[in-house]
Amino acid sequence: MFRHRLADGEGNLGFSRQDIPQDVNNPARLPLKRKRNDEAEVIPRRVSAGGEKGIVPGHPDILQNVDGMVLDCKEQYDEVEIMYRRVLAGREKTLGPDHPNTLQSANNLAGMLSAQGRYDEAEVLCQGILAGREKTLGPDHLDTLRSAGNLAEVLFNQRRYDEAEILRRSILASSEKEKTLGPDHLNTLQSAGDLAGVLFDQRRYDEAEILCRSTLVSSEKSLGPDHPDTLWNANSLGVMLGHKKEFNEAELMLRRALTGREKTLGPDHVDTLQSVENLAWVLQGKKINGRAGTTQRYTAEGSQRLLQLGDPNTIPDLVATGGKLHSQKVKAHAKHRREIASGPHYPDILPSTNNTAAPQLDQSRHQEAEVTSRDLSRDIKNTKWLVDPLTLNSMNALGEELLDLRRYHEAEAVFRPALAGREKYLGANHPATLTSIDNLGRSLHHQRKYEEAESILRSAKVRREKTLGPDNLDTILSAHGLAVTLLDQKKYQEAEIVYRHALRGMEKVLGPDHPFTLDTTSVLSEALLDLKKYSEAEVMCRRALAGREKMLGLVHRDSLLCANNLGAALSNQKKHQEAEAMYHRALMGTEKTFGLDHRDTLMCTYNLARALHKQRKYHEAERMHSRALAGQERVLGPGHAHTIRTIINLGAVLCDQKKYDEAKIMYQRAFSEGEKALGPGHRMTLKSANCLAMLLQAQESRALGQAS
């Protein structure tokens, strides 16, 4: 969101390419501008081949023609890498390692490696380029600053935020010098935006907001209120304020950005549509659902028009939910977390939930989005660009939207051709290909096709370990996704091993208090509870609770989840008094945050009743069970397994108070409802039958004893 291309135009790979010849010197540029990539590729090949025949293979003019090939437009990475390495070797030999053209060739190769996610190799090259340009041009030269920016981007992509921040601050300080660019220069403003992006991804929103505001003021002064960069800064500030829940000012900023972009860029421009999506997200945050629905429909219609117009360069990622500055990779793995509606593995555990910035769709917008997704899917299938990487990006984004709609079978149908296309045209180990593998695995997981999902997610993890290394964040997130699938297959021991590996990696790369680290800690605690390793689960629950309360506050759902699960760990170690305190704390928070009839509130009520019962606080336990039962009957229905479980436990509390007739009624009711709704062989039906039989037998024994 905050990272910009440089003013004079960076290459397709995100790195500046200054020495590509102009149209008059490179006849390939004209077909390229007209999207005739095949012809644009052939021309430099012929020039290169003829030049090598007439001159010498290492002549600088021949190397310039090879360097100008547009194979990267078709994402033919293997061949592009060979060409770039050939150019670099030739220029190092003929021009020397510090010649500007040699450094530019190294820059092009670094961009290619970065585009493939090979950040370690790209980093080495970027460090060499920066050192070379500092030596020949000086530390404050514009090209040197660009090289520093490229290195910072590589560090950022490796989640090495501290190092990236140091470098970004250095770039900004050099750019602000009057002898270099000055505080109001376009590149200086872009450097400030890049630094804000690094701060944002560390959730240092206050610092990032200060930078965004100053950048906006400066861009208004030097560029004008309707300049695309000014509008970009306004949009970025709006999103920043939205993440701070300052929705009123966020709405003003995003409306300003939207109005300016509609005027300057047009209603169907990708930046305009992004502003629409971001505004919809903020309006949802304000719970103005009708207005949010209108803006999101507008975005979907604009995306569809662009798709039908047939320019694949305009359509990537438009289907993705707006208002987020996180990568799609992070979004994908956050969605692996289990939802409360599916039911927990361990009966007293509130499972982790997806905590993305955008709220759930309401029913009417859910239906509208479903229709839009189907139309987009049809249009994509009817286009001729299925081999174009950008179209594959849009197919992947559509699949993610279908996942959001829980249309898992349709999402799978979109992800499979997207994966096949990316494997064919980008390669099996390209980051985008691995993202497609993850997404296909998610769609299968949600359809409970666990074995196939496990196989696919293992493949992604192995490929990332091979190409990125075991400590790369993307590799760690792959491990996290695999662990979720293992957990849902009740492969608890292997899931524990994978979760522990993921947790160690996240603590190392992100730190102990990062949201992803805390999430993994929490889910690991659930796995340990499933394995009945209660003391270890307690340790993990306490760590997760302390971190989440610090980062999110006492009444955030994730904090309440940890408090509840800590209560479960304590209860199973017979630390009932401490468990009662945790359950009570979780209940007070869920009541305040979600209301009396929310599922989380009802689960906490049930758990607190159980803790009270185990301490023989029968009167309080009866009251809490009765309350839980009334809510579950309203929310879940009388035949739900959780409702019947509560009836059985209420019967047990009554029985312990010697209220045998009332207990008998409860057990009979549980058996009748269970047999009707769940079937005679369900464990709750059988448990209620067993409790009823034991009660009747005890009553008969007491009657016989009294008679004798």
Foldseek 3Di string as FASTA:
>chain_A
DLADQDPVDDDPLRARQPLQDDCVLQVLVVVVVVVVLVVSQVRLVVVLVVCCVVDNNLDLVSLNSLLNHPVVQLQQLVVNLVSLVSSLVSCCVVPNCLDPVNLSSLRVNLSSCVQQVLLVVSLVSLVSSLVSCCVVPNCLEPSNLSSLLVNLVSCVLLLVLVVSLVSLVVSLVSCCDPVRPHCLGPVNLSSLSVNLLSCVVLVVLVVSLVSLVVSLVSCCVPPNCLPLVNLVSLLVNLLSVVVVVVLVSSLVSLVSSLVSCCVPPNCLALSNLLSLLQNLQSVVSVVPNVVSLVSVVSLLVSLLVVLVVPDLVRHFLSLAHHSDPDDVLVQLLLQLWDQPVVPAPDNLARTDHRDDSGDQDDDVSLVVLVVSLVSSVVSLVPDPCLLRLSSLNNLLSSLVSCVSSVVLVVSLVSLVSSLVSCCVRNNCLGPVNLVSLSSNLVSCVSVVVLVVSLVSLVVSLVSCCVSPNCLRLSNLSSLSSNLSSCVVVVVLVVSLVSLVSSLVSCCVSPNCLDPVNLSSLQVSLSSCVSVVVLVVSLVSLVSSLVSCCVVPNQLDPSNLSSLSSNLVSCVSVVVLVSSLVSLVSSLVSCCVPPNCLDPSNLSSLLSNLVSCVSVVVLVSSLVSLVSSLVSCCVVVNCLDLVNLVSLQVNLVSCVVVVVLVSSLVSLVSSLVSPCVRPNCPDPSNVVSVVVNVVSVVVVVVVVVVVVD
